[in-house]
Protein backbone atom coordinates (compact mmCIF):
# COMPACT_ATOMS: atom_id res chain seq x y z
CA MET A 1 -7.72 19.68 -11.93
CA ALA A 2 -9.61 21.07 -9.16
CA ASN A 3 -12.87 21.99 -11.58
CA GLU A 4 -12.53 18.85 -13.23
CA GLN A 5 -15.36 16.02 -12.41
CA PRO A 6 -13.77 12.71 -12.35
CA ASP A 7 -16.01 9.67 -13.97
CA LEU A 8 -16.09 7.82 -10.50
CA ARG A 9 -17.45 4.92 -12.81
CA THR A 10 -20.19 4.27 -9.85
CA GLU A 11 -22.04 1.61 -11.92
CA THR A 12 -18.59 -0.80 -11.79
CA ALA A 13 -17.01 -1.98 -8.40
CA GLN A 14 -13.49 -0.68 -8.00
CA ASN A 15 -10.48 -1.68 -5.74
CA ALA A 16 -10.05 1.42 -3.70
CA ARG A 17 -13.84 1.36 -2.79
CA VAL A 18 -14.42 -1.37 -1.79
CA TRP A 19 -11.20 -2.04 0.25
CA ASN A 20 -12.84 1.55 2.06
CA TYR A 21 -15.99 -0.45 2.46
CA TRP A 22 -13.93 -3.26 4.16
CA LEU A 23 -12.02 -0.69 6.53
CA GLY A 24 -15.56 0.30 7.59
CA GLY A 25 -15.43 3.69 5.25
CA LYS A 26 -18.12 5.87 3.29
CA ASP A 27 -16.41 6.25 0.43
CA ASN A 28 -17.77 3.65 -1.40
CA PHE A 29 -21.31 3.05 -3.79
CA THR A 30 -23.56 0.25 -3.83
CA ALA A 31 -21.86 -2.09 -6.78
CA ASP A 32 -18.42 -1.48 -4.70
CA ARG A 33 -20.69 -3.00 -0.90
CA LEU A 34 -22.69 -5.70 -3.52
CA VAL A 35 -19.12 -7.28 -4.83
CA GLY A 36 -17.60 -6.69 -1.14
CA ASP A 37 -20.23 -8.37 0.46
CA ARG A 38 -20.28 -11.25 -1.47
CA VAL A 39 -16.45 -11.88 -1.39
CA TYR A 40 -16.74 -11.37 2.42
CA ARG A 41 -19.25 -14.29 2.30
CA MET A 42 -16.61 -16.47 0.23
CA TYR A 43 -14.03 -15.40 2.23
CA PRO A 44 -14.88 -13.91 5.52
CA SER A 45 -11.19 -13.41 6.29
CA ILE A 46 -10.65 -10.85 3.79
CA VAL A 47 -11.35 -8.24 6.42
CA GLN A 48 -9.31 -9.28 8.30
CA VAL A 49 -6.31 -9.08 5.55
CA ALA A 50 -7.90 -5.39 4.88
CA ARG A 51 -7.23 -4.21 8.48
CA ALA A 52 -3.91 -6.22 8.91
CA ASP A 53 -2.85 -4.16 5.97
CA ARG A 54 -3.86 -0.71 7.43
CA ALA A 55 -1.85 -1.91 10.90
CA PHE A 56 1.03 -2.94 9.43
CA LEU A 57 1.33 0.39 7.33
CA GLY A 58 1.44 2.32 10.63
CA ARG A 59 3.92 -0.11 12.36
CA ALA A 60 5.77 0.25 9.10
CA VAL A 61 6.16 3.98 8.95
CA ARG A 62 6.53 4.27 12.96
CA PHE A 63 9.71 1.95 12.20
CA LEU A 64 10.93 3.66 9.14
CA ALA A 65 10.62 7.58 10.84
CA GLY A 66 11.13 6.50 14.53
CA GLU A 67 14.16 3.58 14.61
CA ARG A 68 15.24 3.85 11.32
CA GLY A 69 15.24 8.06 11.08
CA VAL A 70 13.62 8.34 7.60
CA ARG A 71 12.20 11.41 6.93
CA GLN A 72 10.83 11.07 3.38
CA PHE A 73 7.87 8.48 2.03
CA LEU A 74 6.89 7.98 -1.26
CA ASP A 75 3.75 6.19 -1.03
CA LEU A 76 2.51 4.51 -4.30
CA GLY A 77 -1.35 2.99 -4.36
CA THR A 78 -2.22 5.13 -1.96
CA GLY A 79 -5.90 4.58 -1.86
CA LEU A 80 -8.77 6.54 0.05
CA PRO A 81 -8.12 8.42 2.82
CA THR A 82 -9.00 6.74 6.27
CA ALA A 83 -7.58 7.34 9.90
CA ASP A 84 -3.95 7.66 10.50
CA ASN A 85 -2.60 8.09 6.53
CA THR A 86 1.40 7.76 5.95
CA HIS A 87 1.90 11.58 6.77
CA GLU A 88 -0.31 11.25 9.90
CA VAL A 89 1.72 8.52 11.20
CA ALA A 90 5.35 9.37 9.87
CA GLN A 91 4.72 13.24 11.15
CA ARG A 92 3.68 12.42 14.67
CA VAL A 93 7.07 10.91 15.06
CA ALA A 94 9.03 13.25 12.86
CA PRO A 95 7.13 16.86 12.12
CA ALA A 96 9.66 17.81 9.39
CA ALA A 97 8.89 14.52 7.34
CA ARG A 98 7.47 14.96 3.64
CA VAL A 99 5.59 12.68 1.70
CA LEU A 100 4.07 12.31 -1.35
CA TYR A 101 1.40 10.15 -2.28
CA VAL A 102 0.54 8.80 -5.63
CA ASP A 103 -2.72 6.80 -6.92
CA ASN A 104 -4.57 6.72 -10.38
CA ASP A 105 -8.42 6.19 -9.03
CA PRO A 106 -10.59 8.85 -9.53
CA LEU A 107 -12.43 9.44 -6.35
CA VAL A 108 -8.78 9.12 -4.67
CA LEU A 109 -8.09 12.14 -6.71
CA ARG A 110 -11.20 13.98 -5.90
CA GLN A 111 -10.22 13.23 -2.48
CA ALA A 112 -6.74 14.14 -2.61
CA ARG A 113 -7.10 17.20 -0.48
CA THR A 114 -7.64 14.90 2.57
CA LEU A 115 -3.94 14.15 2.20
CA LEU A 116 -2.92 17.54 1.58
CA THR A 117 -2.68 18.12 5.34
CA SER A 118 0.84 18.26 6.94
CA THR A 119 2.45 19.94 9.96
CA PRO A 120 4.41 23.46 9.43
CA GLU A 121 7.70 21.76 9.40
CA GLY A 122 7.07 19.25 6.99
CA ALA A 123 5.02 18.17 3.79
CA THR A 124 2.31 16.65 1.65
CA ASP A 125 1.74 16.42 -1.94
CA TYR A 126 -0.20 14.18 -4.11
CA MET A 127 0.11 13.12 -7.86
CA GLU A 128 -2.29 11.07 -10.39
CA ALA A 129 -0.16 8.51 -12.31
CA ASP A 130 0.33 5.13 -12.89
CA VAL A 131 2.88 3.36 -10.68
CA ARG A 132 4.19 1.50 -13.65
CA ASP A 133 5.24 5.12 -15.17
CA THR A 134 8.26 5.73 -13.44
CA GLU A 135 9.79 7.91 -15.09
CA ALA A 136 6.80 9.98 -14.69
CA VAL A 137 6.35 9.51 -10.62
CA LEU A 138 10.37 9.92 -10.22
CA ALA A 139 10.01 12.88 -12.06
CA ARG A 140 7.19 14.83 -9.77
CA ALA A 141 8.86 12.86 -6.65
CA ARG A 142 11.54 15.20 -6.93
CA ARG A 143 9.41 18.18 -6.49
CA THR A 144 8.42 17.18 -3.25
CA LEU A 145 11.25 14.83 -1.70
CA GLU A 146 15.08 15.26 -2.05
CA LEU A 147 15.97 11.91 -3.94
CA ASN A 148 19.60 12.34 -2.89
CA GLU A 149 18.54 11.60 0.89
CA PRO A 150 17.02 8.56 1.86
CA VAL A 151 13.36 7.36 1.23
CA ALA A 152 10.75 5.27 2.06
CA ILE A 153 9.16 3.52 -1.26
CA MET A 154 5.96 2.06 0.70
CA MET A 155 4.10 -0.23 -1.75
CA LEU A 156 1.23 -1.65 -0.06
CA GLY A 157 -1.21 -3.66 -2.20
CA ILE A 158 0.10 -2.25 -5.45
CA LEU A 159 2.41 -4.73 -7.27
CA ASN A 160 -0.57 -7.16 -7.08
CA PHE A 161 -2.33 -4.77 -9.64
CA VAL A 162 0.84 -5.24 -12.01
CA LEU A 163 0.10 -8.58 -13.58
CA ASP A 164 3.08 -9.01 -15.24
CA ASP A 165 6.18 -10.67 -13.13
CA GLY A 166 8.45 -8.34 -15.31
CA GLU A 167 6.68 -5.15 -15.51
CA ALA A 168 6.15 -5.78 -11.79
CA GLN A 169 10.26 -6.23 -11.00
CA ALA A 170 11.08 -3.29 -13.49
CA VAL A 171 8.93 -1.16 -11.62
CA VAL A 172 10.45 -1.87 -8.30
CA ASP A 173 14.05 -1.66 -9.39
CA ASP A 174 13.56 1.62 -11.32
CA LEU A 175 12.15 3.07 -8.06
CA VAL A 176 15.43 1.64 -6.01
CA ALA A 177 17.74 2.76 -8.67
CA ALA A 178 16.64 6.20 -8.28
CA VAL A 179 16.87 6.43 -4.10
CA PRO A 180 20.63 6.72 -2.49
CA SER A 181 21.95 3.80 0.22
CA GLY A 182 19.35 3.77 3.51
CA SER A 183 16.38 3.86 1.46
CA TYR A 184 13.81 1.32 1.93
CA VAL A 185 11.27 -0.35 0.65
CA ALA A 186 8.13 -1.84 2.34
CA ILE A 187 5.84 -4.24 0.09
CA THR A 188 2.32 -5.63 1.48
CA HIS A 189 0.99 -8.32 -1.29
CA PRO A 190 -2.01 -10.55 -1.20
CA THR A 191 -0.77 -14.95 -1.51
CA LEU A 192 -2.93 -17.87 -1.79
CA GLU A 193 -0.26 -19.75 0.37
CA LEU A 194 -1.98 -18.53 3.60
CA GLY A 195 -5.34 -18.13 2.79
CA GLY A 196 -6.44 -21.66 1.68
CA ASP A 197 -8.92 -22.77 -1.44
CA ALA A 198 -11.68 -20.13 -0.45
CA ASN A 199 -9.34 -17.44 -1.33
CA THR A 200 -8.69 -18.50 -5.12
CA GLU A 201 -12.73 -18.70 -5.29
CA ALA A 202 -12.92 -15.50 -3.69
CA MET A 203 -10.33 -13.71 -5.74
CA GLU A 204 -11.70 -15.04 -9.24
CA PHE A 205 -14.92 -13.67 -8.05
CA PHE A 206 -13.48 -10.56 -7.78
CA ASN A 207 -11.50 -9.84 -10.78
CA SER A 208 -14.58 -11.00 -12.39
CA ASN A 209 -16.78 -8.29 -11.14
CA ALA A 210 -14.93 -5.12 -10.11
CA GLU A 211 -11.65 -3.49 -11.88
CA PRO A 212 -8.79 -3.10 -11.67
CA PRO A 213 -7.66 -6.90 -11.82
CA LEU A 214 -5.34 -8.09 -9.15
CA ARG A 215 -3.47 -11.40 -8.81
CA ALA A 216 -1.73 -12.99 -5.86
CA ARG A 217 1.98 -14.35 -5.86
CA THR A 218 3.80 -16.82 -3.59
CA GLY A 219 6.67 -15.43 -0.75
CA VAL A 220 9.37 -16.50 -3.05
CA GLN A 221 7.98 -14.29 -6.22
CA VAL A 222 7.40 -11.33 -3.42
CA ALA A 223 10.89 -11.98 -2.13
CA ALA A 224 12.61 -11.19 -5.46
CA PHE A 225 11.33 -7.94 -5.99
CA LEU A 226 14.03 -7.06 -3.13
CA HIS A 227 16.91 -8.73 -4.91
CA GLY A 228 19.92 -6.76 -3.44
CA LEU A 229 17.85 -5.61 -0.46
CA GLU A 230 18.20 -6.33 3.20
CA LEU A 231 15.57 -7.82 4.75
CA GLU A 232 14.55 -6.30 8.44
CA GLU A 233 13.79 -8.29 11.03
CA PRO A 234 11.37 -10.45 10.89
CA GLY A 235 11.32 -10.36 6.96
CA LEU A 236 8.92 -11.73 4.58
CA VAL A 237 6.11 -12.90 6.88
CA SER A 238 2.16 -12.38 7.36
CA CYS A 239 1.45 -8.79 7.40
CA SER A 240 -0.42 -9.07 10.40
CA ARG A 241 2.82 -10.82 12.19
CA TRP A 242 5.29 -7.94 11.25
CA ARG A 243 6.36 -6.81 14.31
CA ALA A 244 2.78 -7.03 15.52
CA PRO A 245 2.72 -6.71 19.78
CA LYS A 246 2.27 -9.95 21.13
CA ARG A 247 -0.84 -11.14 23.15
CA ARG A 248 -0.17 -11.29 27.34
CA ASP A 249 -0.36 -14.86 26.87
CA GLY A 250 2.17 -14.84 24.08
CA VAL A 251 0.39 -15.82 21.34
CA GLU A 252 1.27 -14.09 17.53
CA PRO A 253 -1.82 -12.60 15.98
CA PRO A 254 -3.47 -15.15 13.36
CA LEU A 255 -2.40 -15.32 9.77
CA VAL A 256 -3.65 -13.55 6.61
CA ALA A 257 -3.02 -13.93 3.13
CA GLN A 258 -0.97 -10.85 2.78
CA TYR A 259 2.59 -10.81 3.33
CA GLY A 260 4.41 -8.35 4.29
CA VAL A 261 8.03 -6.73 4.20
CA VAL A 262 10.50 -3.93 4.75
CA ALA A 263 14.02 -4.14 3.21
CA ARG A 264 16.92 -1.64 3.21
CA LYS A 265 18.92 -0.76 0.36
CA PRO A 266 22.27 -1.14 1.25
């Protein structure tokens, strides 16, 4: 695999690379920047969405590794490496934490070596797979993680690429069924409920000009993925407000059009 040159399809905007551009990264190409700029002009809040989602990851992992004592993370839809990846955040709290990253974007695959660093006590690994192939994901996870011990399943900005509701539900159900009581699921998901009409138009443009297509869901739909699980406070909220520190004047951070939630398997 190391000698293969993946087809990066640089002439077509790819979600992971556009997201990287919005976050200020350099792992993107002209097609990604053109689409990213057009979406930004249509919906300027998209940059705040991207940054809020990334900040949610940090808070959620610190909460899970710190307050809840989780030592294993299955990170699905990893995206391109940036600062404070899951293993970096988790291992700062708990050096023995183990992390398996899963993605199927060719540029993410090429950059995977950046994710394969670890403290001596812990472990990180990476697999190329489609999140919908839960059988393959779980088979590979058993080589890095102990699935009889609690696992945090990180699904940040990934279920929105599983367009069919039933298929998305099956992905969550399969993964949750494979981990024990005391495990957690963290989800972020775009929505039109918090973003206004411009978000709708921007998402339609994105789906016509970038790959893979994505969809928004309502809060009710996102919450349904977590049936049978116990939501951690503050429940399902804009990801910018999930356990976010308040400003000195006590005002909460602005809403962004991305839900965030963490739930525990009882």
